N, C-alpha and C. Protein backbone atom coordinates (compact mmCIF):
# COMPACT_ATOMS: atom_id res chain seq x y z
N MET A 1 64.39 26.92 105.19
CA MET A 1 63.80 25.80 104.43
C MET A 1 62.29 25.96 104.41
N HIS A 2 61.67 25.58 103.28
CA HIS A 2 60.24 25.71 103.12
C HIS A 2 59.51 24.87 104.16
N LEU A 3 58.34 25.37 104.62
CA LEU A 3 57.59 24.65 105.65
C LEU A 3 57.18 23.26 105.18
N LYS A 4 56.76 23.15 103.90
CA LYS A 4 56.36 21.84 103.39
C LYS A 4 57.53 20.87 103.40
N ALA A 5 58.72 21.39 103.07
CA ALA A 5 59.90 20.53 103.08
C ALA A 5 60.18 19.99 104.47
N TRP A 6 60.01 20.88 105.49
CA TRP A 6 60.20 20.42 106.88
C TRP A 6 59.18 19.32 107.21
N MET A 7 57.93 19.55 106.80
CA MET A 7 56.89 18.55 107.07
C MET A 7 57.20 17.24 106.38
N TRP A 8 57.71 17.35 105.14
CA TRP A 8 58.04 16.13 104.39
C TRP A 8 59.15 15.34 105.06
N MET A 9 60.20 16.07 105.52
CA MET A 9 61.31 15.40 106.20
C MET A 9 60.82 14.73 107.48
N GLY A 10 59.92 15.40 108.20
CA GLY A 10 59.39 14.79 109.40
C GLY A 10 58.60 13.53 109.10
N GLY A 11 57.82 13.57 107.97
CA GLY A 11 57.08 12.38 107.57
C GLY A 11 58.00 11.24 107.23
N LEU A 12 59.13 11.55 106.55
CA LEU A 12 60.08 10.48 106.21
C LEU A 12 60.69 9.86 107.46
N LEU A 13 60.98 10.69 108.46
CA LEU A 13 61.54 10.16 109.71
C LEU A 13 60.55 9.24 110.40
N LEU A 14 59.26 9.66 110.42
CA LEU A 14 58.24 8.81 111.03
C LEU A 14 58.08 7.51 110.26
N ALA A 15 58.12 7.60 108.92
CA ALA A 15 58.00 6.40 108.11
C ALA A 15 59.17 5.46 108.36
N GLY A 16 60.37 6.05 108.50
CA GLY A 16 61.54 5.22 108.80
C GLY A 16 61.40 4.51 110.13
N GLY A 17 60.84 5.21 111.13
CA GLY A 17 60.64 4.57 112.42
C GLY A 17 59.64 3.44 112.34
N ALA A 18 58.57 3.66 111.54
CA ALA A 18 57.59 2.60 111.37
C ALA A 18 58.19 1.40 110.69
N LEU A 19 59.08 1.64 109.71
CA LEU A 19 59.73 0.53 109.02
C LEU A 19 60.64 -0.23 109.97
N ALA A 20 61.33 0.47 110.82
CA ALA A 20 62.24 -0.20 111.76
C ALA A 20 61.46 -1.12 112.68
N GLN A 21 60.24 -0.65 113.10
CA GLN A 21 59.42 -1.49 113.96
C GLN A 21 58.89 -2.67 113.18
N ALA A 22 58.51 -2.43 111.89
CA ALA A 22 57.94 -3.50 111.09
C ALA A 22 58.95 -4.57 110.76
N ASP A 23 60.27 -4.21 110.74
CA ASP A 23 61.30 -5.18 110.41
C ASP A 23 61.42 -6.27 111.46
N ALA A 24 60.96 -5.99 112.69
CA ALA A 24 61.08 -6.98 113.75
C ALA A 24 60.16 -8.16 113.43
N PRO A 25 60.66 -9.41 113.43
CA PRO A 25 59.83 -10.55 113.07
C PRO A 25 58.69 -10.76 114.06
N THR A 26 57.53 -11.07 113.55
CA THR A 26 56.35 -11.31 114.36
C THR A 26 55.94 -12.76 114.21
N GLN A 27 55.93 -13.51 115.30
CA GLN A 27 55.54 -14.91 115.25
C GLN A 27 54.05 -15.01 115.52
N VAL A 28 53.30 -15.49 114.55
CA VAL A 28 51.86 -15.61 114.68
C VAL A 28 51.55 -16.84 115.52
N ARG A 29 50.74 -16.66 116.55
CA ARG A 29 50.46 -17.76 117.46
C ARG A 29 48.98 -18.14 117.50
N SER A 30 48.11 -17.33 116.93
CA SER A 30 46.69 -17.64 116.97
C SER A 30 46.00 -17.00 115.77
N VAL A 31 44.79 -17.50 115.49
CA VAL A 31 44.01 -16.94 114.38
C VAL A 31 43.61 -15.50 114.71
N GLU A 32 43.31 -15.25 115.99
CA GLU A 32 42.94 -13.89 116.38
C GLU A 32 44.09 -12.92 116.14
N GLN A 33 45.32 -13.37 116.48
CA GLN A 33 46.49 -12.52 116.23
C GLN A 33 46.69 -12.31 114.74
N ALA A 34 46.46 -13.36 113.94
CA ALA A 34 46.59 -13.22 112.49
C ALA A 34 45.60 -12.19 111.95
N ASP A 35 44.35 -12.24 112.44
CA ASP A 35 43.36 -11.26 112.01
C ASP A 35 43.77 -9.84 112.40
N ALA A 36 44.34 -9.71 113.61
CA ALA A 36 44.79 -8.39 114.05
C ALA A 36 45.93 -7.88 113.17
N ILE A 37 46.83 -8.78 112.79
CA ILE A 37 47.95 -8.39 111.92
C ILE A 37 47.43 -7.94 110.56
N LEU A 38 46.47 -8.67 110.01
CA LEU A 38 45.92 -8.30 108.70
C LEU A 38 45.23 -6.93 108.76
N ALA A 39 44.51 -6.66 109.86
CA ALA A 39 43.89 -5.35 110.00
C ALA A 39 44.94 -4.25 110.12
N GLU A 40 45.99 -4.53 110.88
CA GLU A 40 47.07 -3.54 111.03
C GLU A 40 47.77 -3.30 109.70
N VAL A 41 48.00 -4.36 108.93
CA VAL A 41 48.64 -4.22 107.62
C VAL A 41 47.79 -3.34 106.71
N ALA A 42 46.47 -3.55 106.74
CA ALA A 42 45.60 -2.73 105.90
C ALA A 42 45.70 -1.26 106.28
N ARG A 43 45.73 -0.98 107.59
CA ARG A 43 45.84 0.41 108.03
C ARG A 43 47.19 1.01 107.63
N GLU A 44 48.26 0.25 107.83
CA GLU A 44 49.60 0.78 107.51
C GLU A 44 49.79 0.94 106.01
N ARG A 45 49.16 0.05 105.22
CA ARG A 45 49.27 0.20 103.76
C ARG A 45 48.59 1.50 103.30
N ALA A 46 47.41 1.78 103.87
CA ALA A 46 46.73 3.03 103.53
C ALA A 46 47.56 4.24 103.96
N ALA A 47 48.18 4.13 105.15
CA ALA A 47 49.02 5.23 105.63
C ALA A 47 50.24 5.42 104.73
N ALA A 48 50.81 4.31 104.24
CA ALA A 48 51.98 4.40 103.35
C ALA A 48 51.62 5.09 102.05
N GLU A 49 50.45 4.76 101.51
CA GLU A 49 50.03 5.39 100.26
C GLU A 49 49.77 6.88 100.48
N ALA A 50 49.15 7.22 101.61
CA ALA A 50 48.89 8.63 101.89
C ALA A 50 50.20 9.39 102.09
N SER A 51 51.16 8.77 102.80
CA SER A 51 52.46 9.42 103.01
C SER A 51 53.18 9.62 101.69
N TYR A 52 53.08 8.64 100.80
CA TYR A 52 53.73 8.77 99.49
C TYR A 52 53.10 9.90 98.69
N ALA A 53 51.78 10.03 98.77
CA ALA A 53 51.11 11.11 98.05
C ALA A 53 51.58 12.48 98.57
N GLU A 54 51.71 12.60 99.89
CA GLU A 54 52.20 13.86 100.45
C GLU A 54 53.65 14.14 100.02
N SER A 55 54.46 13.07 100.00
CA SER A 55 55.86 13.25 99.59
C SER A 55 55.95 13.71 98.14
N GLU A 56 55.09 13.17 97.29
CA GLU A 56 55.08 13.58 95.89
C GLU A 56 54.78 15.07 95.76
N GLN A 57 53.81 15.54 96.52
CA GLN A 57 53.46 16.96 96.46
C GLN A 57 54.64 17.83 96.85
N VAL A 58 55.37 17.41 97.88
CA VAL A 58 56.52 18.18 98.32
C VAL A 58 57.62 18.13 97.26
N CYS A 59 57.81 16.96 96.65
CA CYS A 59 58.88 16.80 95.66
C CYS A 59 58.68 17.76 94.48
N TYR A 60 57.44 18.01 94.09
CA TYR A 60 57.18 18.87 92.94
C TYR A 60 57.51 20.34 93.23
N THR A 61 57.74 20.64 94.49
CA THR A 61 58.13 22.01 94.83
C THR A 61 59.65 22.16 94.95
N LYS A 62 60.38 21.05 94.83
CA LYS A 62 61.83 21.10 94.99
C LYS A 62 62.52 21.20 93.63
N PHE A 63 63.78 21.55 93.64
CA PHE A 63 64.53 21.74 92.38
C PHE A 63 64.83 20.38 91.74
N PHE A 64 65.36 19.42 92.53
CA PHE A 64 65.68 18.09 92.01
C PHE A 64 64.44 17.21 92.21
N VAL A 65 63.46 17.38 91.34
CA VAL A 65 62.18 16.69 91.49
C VAL A 65 62.35 15.18 91.33
N ASN A 66 63.05 14.75 90.27
CA ASN A 66 63.16 13.32 90.00
C ASN A 66 63.89 12.58 91.11
N ASN A 67 64.97 13.18 91.62
CA ASN A 67 65.71 12.53 92.71
C ASN A 67 64.83 12.39 93.95
N CYS A 68 64.08 13.42 94.22
CA CYS A 68 63.18 13.39 95.38
C CYS A 68 62.11 12.32 95.20
N LEU A 69 61.54 12.25 93.99
CA LEU A 69 60.50 11.25 93.72
C LEU A 69 61.05 9.84 93.81
N ASP A 70 62.27 9.63 93.32
CA ASP A 70 62.87 8.29 93.38
C ASP A 70 63.03 7.82 94.82
N LYS A 71 63.47 8.73 95.69
CA LYS A 71 63.64 8.36 97.10
C LYS A 71 62.30 8.03 97.74
N ALA A 72 61.29 8.85 97.43
CA ALA A 72 59.96 8.60 98.00
C ALA A 72 59.40 7.27 97.51
N LYS A 73 59.61 6.96 96.23
CA LYS A 73 59.11 5.69 95.69
C LYS A 73 59.83 4.50 96.32
N GLU A 74 61.14 4.62 96.54
CA GLU A 74 61.88 3.51 97.13
C GLU A 74 61.43 3.26 98.57
N GLN A 75 61.22 4.34 99.32
CA GLN A 75 60.74 4.17 100.69
C GLN A 75 59.35 3.52 100.71
N ARG A 76 58.49 3.95 99.77
CA ARG A 76 57.16 3.35 99.67
C ARG A 76 57.27 1.88 99.30
N ARG A 77 58.15 1.53 98.36
CA ARG A 77 58.30 0.14 97.95
C ARG A 77 58.76 -0.74 99.10
N GLU A 78 59.76 -0.26 99.86
CA GLU A 78 60.27 -1.05 100.98
C GLU A 78 59.19 -1.25 102.04
N ARG A 79 58.43 -0.20 102.30
CA ARG A 79 57.40 -0.30 103.33
C ARG A 79 56.29 -1.27 102.91
N LEU A 80 55.86 -1.18 101.65
CA LEU A 80 54.81 -2.08 101.17
C LEU A 80 55.31 -3.52 101.09
N ALA A 81 56.58 -3.72 100.75
CA ALA A 81 57.13 -5.08 100.69
C ALA A 81 57.12 -5.73 102.08
N ASP A 82 57.48 -4.95 103.10
CA ASP A 82 57.46 -5.49 104.46
C ASP A 82 56.03 -5.82 104.88
N LEU A 83 55.09 -4.94 104.55
CA LEU A 83 53.69 -5.19 104.90
C LEU A 83 53.18 -6.44 104.19
N ARG A 84 53.59 -6.64 102.94
CA ARG A 84 53.14 -7.82 102.21
C ARG A 84 53.67 -9.09 102.85
N THR A 85 54.92 -9.05 103.35
CA THR A 85 55.49 -10.22 104.02
C THR A 85 54.68 -10.57 105.27
N ARG A 86 54.34 -9.56 106.05
CA ARG A 86 53.54 -9.81 107.25
C ARG A 86 52.15 -10.33 106.89
N GLU A 87 51.59 -9.81 105.81
CA GLU A 87 50.28 -10.25 105.37
C GLU A 87 50.30 -11.71 104.94
N ILE A 88 51.34 -12.09 104.19
CA ILE A 88 51.47 -13.48 103.73
C ILE A 88 51.62 -14.42 104.92
N ASP A 89 52.44 -14.04 105.92
CA ASP A 89 52.63 -14.88 107.10
C ASP A 89 51.31 -15.10 107.84
N ALA A 90 50.54 -14.03 108.00
CA ALA A 90 49.27 -14.14 108.73
C ALA A 90 48.28 -15.01 107.97
N ASN A 91 48.18 -14.83 106.66
CA ASN A 91 47.26 -15.65 105.87
C ASN A 91 47.69 -17.11 105.85
N TYR A 92 49.01 -17.36 105.81
CA TYR A 92 49.51 -18.74 105.84
C TYR A 92 49.12 -19.41 107.15
N PHE A 93 49.28 -18.68 108.26
CA PHE A 93 48.93 -19.26 109.55
C PHE A 93 47.44 -19.60 109.60
N LYS A 94 46.59 -18.71 109.06
CA LYS A 94 45.15 -18.96 109.09
C LYS A 94 44.79 -20.19 108.26
N ARG A 95 45.40 -20.30 107.07
CA ARG A 95 45.11 -21.47 106.24
C ARG A 95 45.62 -22.75 106.92
N LYS A 96 46.82 -22.69 107.51
CA LYS A 96 47.38 -23.86 108.19
C LYS A 96 46.49 -24.26 109.37
N SER A 97 46.00 -23.27 110.12
CA SER A 97 45.13 -23.57 111.26
C SER A 97 43.83 -24.22 110.79
N ALA A 98 43.28 -23.75 109.67
CA ALA A 98 42.05 -24.33 109.15
C ALA A 98 42.25 -25.79 108.76
N VAL A 99 43.38 -26.09 108.12
CA VAL A 99 43.65 -27.48 107.73
C VAL A 99 43.84 -28.36 108.96
N GLU A 100 44.57 -27.86 109.97
CA GLU A 100 44.78 -28.64 111.19
C GLU A 100 43.46 -28.89 111.91
N LEU A 101 42.59 -27.86 111.95
CA LEU A 101 41.29 -28.04 112.59
C LEU A 101 40.47 -29.10 111.86
N ARG A 102 40.49 -29.06 110.54
CA ARG A 102 39.76 -30.07 109.77
C ARG A 102 40.28 -31.47 110.04
N ASP A 103 41.62 -31.61 110.11
CA ASP A 103 42.22 -32.92 110.38
C ASP A 103 41.83 -33.44 111.77
N ARG A 104 41.84 -32.54 112.74
CA ARG A 104 41.46 -32.96 114.10
C ARG A 104 40.00 -33.41 114.14
N GLU A 105 39.14 -32.67 113.45
CA GLU A 105 37.72 -33.04 113.43
C GLU A 105 37.52 -34.40 112.78
N LEU A 106 38.22 -34.65 111.67
CA LEU A 106 38.12 -35.95 111.01
C LEU A 106 38.63 -37.08 111.92
N HIS A 107 39.73 -36.82 112.60
CA HIS A 107 40.29 -37.83 113.51
C HIS A 107 39.32 -38.14 114.64
N ASP A 108 38.73 -37.08 115.22
CA ASP A 108 37.77 -37.29 116.32
C ASP A 108 36.55 -38.06 115.83
N ARG A 109 36.08 -37.74 114.63
CA ARG A 109 34.92 -38.46 114.09
C ARG A 109 35.25 -39.94 113.87
N ASN A 110 36.44 -40.20 113.35
CA ASN A 110 36.85 -41.59 113.13
C ASN A 110 36.90 -42.36 114.45
N GLU A 111 37.44 -41.72 115.49
CA GLU A 111 37.52 -42.39 116.79
C GLU A 111 36.12 -42.65 117.36
N ARG A 112 35.21 -41.68 117.22
CA ARG A 112 33.85 -41.88 117.73
C ARG A 112 33.15 -43.01 116.98
N ASP A 113 33.33 -43.04 115.66
CA ASP A 113 32.70 -44.10 114.87
C ASP A 113 33.24 -45.47 115.26
N ALA A 114 34.56 -45.54 115.44
CA ALA A 114 35.16 -46.82 115.83
C ALA A 114 34.65 -47.27 117.20
N ALA A 115 34.53 -46.32 118.13
CA ALA A 115 34.03 -46.67 119.47
C ALA A 115 32.58 -47.14 119.41
N GLU A 116 31.77 -46.48 118.58
CA GLU A 116 30.37 -46.89 118.45
C GLU A 116 30.26 -48.27 117.83
N GLU A 117 31.07 -48.54 116.81
CA GLU A 117 31.06 -49.85 116.18
C GLU A 117 31.45 -50.94 117.20
N ALA A 118 32.49 -50.67 117.98
CA ALA A 118 32.93 -51.64 118.98
C ALA A 118 31.86 -51.86 120.04
N SER A 119 31.18 -50.77 120.44
CA SER A 119 30.13 -50.90 121.46
C SER A 119 28.96 -51.72 120.94
N ARG A 120 28.56 -51.47 119.70
CA ARG A 120 27.45 -52.25 119.13
C ARG A 120 27.83 -53.72 118.97
N ALA A 121 29.09 -53.98 118.59
CA ALA A 121 29.52 -55.37 118.43
C ALA A 121 29.56 -56.11 119.77
N ALA A 122 29.96 -55.38 120.83
CA ALA A 122 30.06 -56.02 122.15
C ALA A 122 28.71 -56.14 122.84
N ASN A 123 27.75 -55.28 122.50
CA ASN A 123 26.44 -55.29 123.15
C ASN A 123 25.34 -55.29 122.09
N PRO A 124 25.13 -56.43 121.42
CA PRO A 124 24.07 -56.48 120.40
C PRO A 124 22.71 -56.33 121.06
N PRO A 125 21.76 -55.74 120.36
CA PRO A 125 20.41 -55.57 120.95
C PRO A 125 19.74 -56.91 121.18
N ALA A 126 18.98 -57.03 122.30
CA ALA A 126 18.28 -58.28 122.63
C ALA A 126 17.11 -58.48 121.66
N PRO A 127 16.89 -59.70 121.22
CA PRO A 127 15.76 -59.96 120.31
C PRO A 127 14.43 -59.75 121.01
N HIS A 128 13.45 -59.23 120.27
CA HIS A 128 12.11 -59.00 120.83
C HIS A 128 11.28 -60.28 120.74
N ALA A 129 10.53 -60.54 121.81
CA ALA A 129 9.68 -61.74 121.83
C ALA A 129 8.45 -61.53 120.96
N ASP A 130 8.05 -62.57 120.25
CA ASP A 130 6.88 -62.48 119.38
C ASP A 130 5.62 -62.52 120.23
N PRO A 131 4.63 -61.67 119.96
CA PRO A 131 3.39 -61.70 120.77
C PRO A 131 2.72 -63.06 120.79
N ALA A 132 2.79 -63.78 119.71
CA ALA A 132 2.16 -65.11 119.64
C ALA A 132 3.10 -66.19 120.15
N ASP A 133 4.22 -65.75 120.70
CA ASP A 133 5.20 -66.70 121.22
C ASP A 133 5.65 -67.69 120.16
N LYS A 134 5.73 -67.17 118.95
CA LYS A 134 6.20 -68.01 117.87
C LYS A 134 7.58 -67.52 117.45
N PRO A 135 8.44 -68.40 117.24
CA PRO A 135 9.78 -67.97 116.81
C PRO A 135 9.72 -67.34 115.42
N ARG A 136 10.38 -66.22 115.30
CA ARG A 136 10.44 -65.55 114.01
C ARG A 136 11.91 -65.48 113.57
N PRO A 137 12.10 -65.61 112.30
CA PRO A 137 13.50 -65.56 111.84
C PRO A 137 14.11 -64.18 112.10
N GLN A 138 15.27 -64.19 112.67
CA GLN A 138 15.98 -62.96 112.99
C GLN A 138 16.84 -62.55 111.79
N PRO A 139 16.84 -61.25 111.52
CA PRO A 139 17.69 -60.80 110.41
C PRO A 139 19.17 -61.04 110.73
N ALA A 140 19.83 -61.50 109.74
CA ALA A 140 21.25 -61.78 109.93
C ALA A 140 22.01 -60.47 110.17
N GLY A 141 22.99 -60.52 111.07
CA GLY A 141 23.81 -59.32 111.32
C GLY A 141 24.66 -58.97 110.10
N LYS A 142 25.05 -57.74 110.07
CA LYS A 142 25.86 -57.30 108.94
C LYS A 142 27.24 -57.96 108.98
N LEU A 143 27.66 -58.32 107.81
CA LEU A 143 28.99 -58.90 107.71
C LEU A 143 30.05 -57.83 107.94
N PRO A 144 31.25 -58.24 108.37
CA PRO A 144 32.33 -57.25 108.56
C PRO A 144 32.62 -56.45 107.29
N ALA A 145 32.52 -57.11 106.15
CA ALA A 145 32.78 -56.38 104.89
C ALA A 145 31.75 -55.29 104.67
N GLN A 146 30.46 -55.59 105.04
CA GLN A 146 29.41 -54.58 104.88
C GLN A 146 29.64 -53.39 105.81
N ARG A 147 29.98 -53.70 107.05
CA ARG A 147 30.24 -52.62 108.01
C ARG A 147 31.42 -51.77 107.54
N GLN A 148 32.44 -52.44 107.04
CA GLN A 148 33.62 -51.70 106.57
C GLN A 148 33.26 -50.81 105.39
N ALA A 149 32.41 -51.33 104.47
CA ALA A 149 32.00 -50.54 103.31
C ALA A 149 31.18 -49.32 103.74
N GLU A 150 30.27 -49.53 104.70
CA GLU A 150 29.46 -48.41 105.19
C GLU A 150 30.34 -47.37 105.88
N HIS A 151 31.29 -47.86 106.67
CA HIS A 151 32.19 -46.94 107.35
C HIS A 151 33.02 -46.14 106.33
N ALA A 152 33.50 -46.81 105.28
CA ALA A 152 34.28 -46.12 104.26
C ALA A 152 33.42 -45.07 103.53
N ALA A 153 32.13 -45.41 103.30
CA ALA A 153 31.24 -44.45 102.64
C ALA A 153 31.02 -43.22 103.51
N ARG A 154 30.85 -43.45 104.82
CA ARG A 154 30.67 -42.31 105.73
C ARG A 154 31.92 -41.43 105.75
N GLU A 155 33.09 -42.07 105.80
CA GLU A 155 34.33 -41.30 105.82
C GLU A 155 34.50 -40.50 104.54
N LYS A 156 34.13 -41.09 103.43
CA LYS A 156 34.24 -40.37 102.15
C LYS A 156 33.32 -39.16 102.14
N GLN A 157 32.10 -39.33 102.66
CA GLN A 157 31.15 -38.21 102.71
C GLN A 157 31.67 -37.11 103.62
N ARG A 158 32.21 -37.48 104.77
CA ARG A 158 32.75 -36.47 105.69
C ARG A 158 33.95 -35.76 105.08
N ALA A 159 34.81 -36.51 104.39
CA ALA A 159 35.97 -35.87 103.75
C ALA A 159 35.52 -34.89 102.68
N THR A 160 34.46 -35.27 101.93
CA THR A 160 33.93 -34.36 100.90
C THR A 160 33.40 -33.09 101.53
N GLU A 161 32.66 -33.23 102.65
CA GLU A 161 32.12 -32.06 103.33
C GLU A 161 33.25 -31.18 103.88
N ALA A 162 34.26 -31.83 104.47
CA ALA A 162 35.38 -31.05 105.02
C ALA A 162 36.12 -30.32 103.91
N ALA A 163 36.31 -30.97 102.76
CA ALA A 163 36.99 -30.31 101.65
C ALA A 163 36.19 -29.12 101.16
N ALA A 164 34.85 -29.28 101.12
CA ALA A 164 34.00 -28.16 100.69
C ALA A 164 34.12 -26.99 101.67
N GLU A 165 34.15 -27.30 102.99
CA GLU A 165 34.29 -26.24 103.98
C GLU A 165 35.64 -25.55 103.86
N ALA A 166 36.70 -26.34 103.65
CA ALA A 166 38.03 -25.74 103.49
C ALA A 166 38.08 -24.87 102.25
N GLY A 167 37.43 -25.34 101.16
CA GLY A 167 37.40 -24.52 99.95
C GLY A 167 36.67 -23.21 100.17
N GLU A 168 35.58 -23.25 100.93
CA GLU A 168 34.84 -22.02 101.21
C GLU A 168 35.68 -21.05 102.03
N ARG A 169 36.42 -21.60 103.03
CA ARG A 169 37.29 -20.74 103.82
C ARG A 169 38.38 -20.14 102.95
N ALA A 170 38.93 -20.95 102.04
CA ALA A 170 39.98 -20.44 101.15
C ALA A 170 39.43 -19.33 100.25
N ARG A 171 38.19 -19.50 99.77
CA ARG A 171 37.59 -18.45 98.93
C ARG A 171 37.39 -17.16 99.73
N LYS A 172 37.01 -17.29 100.97
CA LYS A 172 36.84 -16.09 101.80
C LYS A 172 38.17 -15.37 101.99
N VAL A 173 39.24 -16.16 102.24
CA VAL A 173 40.57 -15.55 102.39
C VAL A 173 40.98 -14.84 101.11
N GLU A 174 40.73 -15.50 99.97
CA GLU A 174 41.10 -14.90 98.68
C GLU A 174 40.31 -13.62 98.44
N ALA A 175 39.01 -13.64 98.80
CA ALA A 175 38.18 -12.44 98.62
C ALA A 175 38.69 -11.30 99.49
N TYR A 176 39.11 -11.64 100.73
CA TYR A 176 39.63 -10.60 101.62
C TYR A 176 40.92 -10.00 101.05
N GLU A 177 41.80 -10.87 100.54
CA GLU A 177 43.06 -10.38 99.97
C GLU A 177 42.80 -9.50 98.75
N GLN A 178 41.78 -9.88 97.95
CA GLN A 178 41.47 -9.07 96.77
C GLN A 178 40.94 -7.70 97.18
N LYS A 179 40.17 -7.67 98.26
CA LYS A 179 39.68 -6.38 98.76
C LYS A 179 40.85 -5.48 99.17
N GLN A 180 41.86 -6.10 99.79
CA GLN A 180 43.03 -5.31 100.19
C GLN A 180 43.76 -4.76 98.98
N VAL A 181 43.88 -5.59 97.94
CA VAL A 181 44.55 -5.13 96.72
C VAL A 181 43.75 -3.99 96.07
N ASP A 182 42.41 -4.16 96.03
CA ASP A 182 41.57 -3.12 95.44
C ASP A 182 41.69 -1.82 96.22
N ALA A 183 41.75 -1.93 97.56
CA ALA A 183 41.88 -0.73 98.39
C ALA A 183 43.20 -0.03 98.11
N ALA A 184 44.27 -0.82 97.95
CA ALA A 184 45.58 -0.23 97.65
C ALA A 184 45.56 0.45 96.28
N GLU A 185 44.88 -0.15 95.32
CA GLU A 185 44.80 0.46 93.99
C GLU A 185 44.04 1.78 94.05
N ARG A 186 42.96 1.79 94.84
CA ARG A 186 42.20 3.04 94.98
C ARG A 186 43.06 4.12 95.63
N GLN A 187 43.82 3.75 96.65
CA GLN A 187 44.71 4.71 97.29
C GLN A 187 45.74 5.23 96.30
N LYS A 188 46.23 4.33 95.45
CA LYS A 188 47.24 4.73 94.47
C LYS A 188 46.66 5.73 93.48
N ARG A 189 45.43 5.45 93.02
CA ARG A 189 44.81 6.37 92.06
C ARG A 189 44.56 7.74 92.69
N VAL A 190 44.12 7.72 93.95
CA VAL A 190 43.91 9.00 94.65
C VAL A 190 45.23 9.76 94.77
N ALA A 191 46.31 9.03 95.12
CA ALA A 191 47.61 9.68 95.27
C ALA A 191 48.08 10.26 93.93
N GLU A 192 47.84 9.52 92.84
CA GLU A 192 48.27 10.01 91.54
C GLU A 192 47.50 11.27 91.14
N LYS A 193 46.21 11.29 91.44
CA LYS A 193 45.42 12.48 91.12
C LYS A 193 45.89 13.68 91.96
N GLN A 194 46.17 13.42 93.22
CA GLN A 194 46.65 14.50 94.08
C GLN A 194 47.99 15.03 93.58
N ALA A 195 48.88 14.11 93.17
CA ALA A 195 50.18 14.53 92.66
C ALA A 195 50.02 15.33 91.37
N GLU A 196 49.09 14.92 90.53
CA GLU A 196 48.87 15.64 89.27
C GLU A 196 48.36 17.05 89.53
N ARG A 197 47.42 17.14 90.48
CA ARG A 197 46.92 18.48 90.82
C ARG A 197 48.02 19.35 91.42
N ALA A 198 48.87 18.73 92.26
CA ALA A 198 49.95 19.49 92.87
C ALA A 198 50.93 19.98 91.81
N ALA A 199 51.22 19.12 90.83
CA ALA A 199 52.15 19.51 89.76
C ALA A 199 51.58 20.67 88.94
N LYS A 200 50.29 20.58 88.63
CA LYS A 200 49.66 21.66 87.86
C LYS A 200 49.67 22.97 88.66
N ARG A 201 49.40 22.84 89.97
CA ARG A 201 49.39 24.05 90.79
C ARG A 201 50.79 24.65 90.88
N ALA A 202 51.82 23.78 91.03
CA ALA A 202 53.19 24.28 91.11
C ALA A 202 53.60 24.96 89.81
N LYS A 203 53.20 24.37 88.68
CA LYS A 203 53.53 24.98 87.38
C LYS A 203 52.82 26.31 87.21
N ARG A 204 51.57 26.36 87.65
CA ARG A 204 50.82 27.60 87.53
C ARG A 204 51.45 28.70 88.39
N GLU A 205 51.87 28.33 89.60
CA GLU A 205 52.51 29.31 90.46
C GLU A 205 53.84 29.77 89.89
N ALA A 206 54.58 28.81 89.30
CA ALA A 206 55.86 29.17 88.70
C ALA A 206 55.66 30.11 87.51
N ASP A 207 54.63 29.83 86.70
CA ASP A 207 54.35 30.70 85.54
C ASP A 207 53.96 32.10 86.01
N GLU A 208 53.15 32.16 87.06
CA GLU A 208 52.74 33.47 87.57
C GLU A 208 53.94 34.24 88.12
N ALA A 209 54.84 33.50 88.82
CA ALA A 209 56.02 34.17 89.36
C ALA A 209 56.92 34.68 88.24
N ALA A 210 57.07 33.85 87.18
CA ALA A 210 57.89 34.29 86.04
C ALA A 210 57.27 35.50 85.36
N LYS A 211 55.95 35.49 85.25
CA LYS A 211 55.26 36.62 84.61
C LYS A 211 55.45 37.90 85.41
N LYS A 212 55.32 37.77 86.75
CA LYS A 212 55.49 38.96 87.59
C LYS A 212 56.93 39.46 87.52
N ALA A 213 57.89 38.52 87.48
CA ALA A 213 59.29 38.93 87.38
C ALA A 213 59.56 39.65 86.07
N ALA A 214 58.96 39.15 84.99
CA ALA A 214 59.15 39.80 83.68
C ALA A 214 58.54 41.20 83.68
N GLU A 215 57.36 41.34 84.27
CA GLU A 215 56.72 42.65 84.33
C GLU A 215 57.55 43.62 85.17
N ALA A 216 58.10 43.10 86.27
CA ALA A 216 58.92 43.96 87.10
C ALA A 216 60.17 44.41 86.36
N GLU A 217 60.76 43.50 85.57
CA GLU A 217 61.97 43.84 84.81
C GLU A 217 61.65 44.90 83.74
N ARG A 218 60.51 44.73 83.08
CA ARG A 218 60.12 45.70 82.07
C ARG A 218 59.88 47.09 82.70
N ALA A 219 59.23 47.06 83.88
CA ALA A 219 58.98 48.34 84.55
C ALA A 219 60.29 49.01 84.94
N LYS A 220 61.26 48.20 85.38
CA LYS A 220 62.55 48.74 85.76
C LYS A 220 63.26 49.35 84.57
N GLN A 221 63.22 48.66 83.43
CA GLN A 221 63.86 49.18 82.23
C GLN A 221 63.19 50.46 81.75
N ASN A 222 61.88 50.50 81.84
CA ASN A 222 61.15 51.72 81.43
C ASN A 222 61.53 52.89 82.30
N ALA A 223 61.66 52.61 83.61
CA ALA A 223 62.02 53.68 84.54
C ALA A 223 63.42 54.19 84.24
N GLN A 224 64.35 53.28 83.93
CA GLN A 224 65.72 53.71 83.64
C GLN A 224 65.78 54.48 82.32
N GLY A 225 64.92 54.09 81.34
CA GLY A 225 64.89 54.77 80.06
C GLY A 225 64.43 56.22 80.17
N ARG A 226 63.48 56.44 81.10
CA ARG A 226 63.00 57.81 81.29
C ARG A 226 64.06 58.67 82.02
């Protein structure tokens, strides 16, 4: 068997082992683990594209080229589909964690505001004595409706800020995912160019072999004619 064919079969076995490991479900438990999974997915996706490019080169040297290419494409599709599932799970966990963190921060702020309001109501500031010892009219305290309106305005402002922060985090996640897609597309284009060069080289070698065989046949016939 050709050396490249042996190498190709070995690559397929390694890819199969990687797929078997990837099939095991991974439960994301932290944002750090999600980031690690996303980095691993990016590395494995690049490796899958490189392995597919090598398989294509080997397929062009075999007799049943289309059958070989179909198998290589199916293995690549299955591997990329599994990686995409892991990527989606990790990104979902990160988005869910961001929303939960925002909710906790809003809840804590609401509790602090309520405690401060209660403390001010229970301990109003003492009035200051007038230097001339003359009574001065004291400003009336805020009505409950006014305090409630101010509190609602603060909550609305905080919710707006939190929504803006969540939107920024979502844009960063989307930008990261787009970078991964762009990287995969670049890998695909590189693999296609490599496969095209391999096909041209295989055709050129086949043409040269056919030419040499024809020359040898002609020489043989000439020798027999003499």
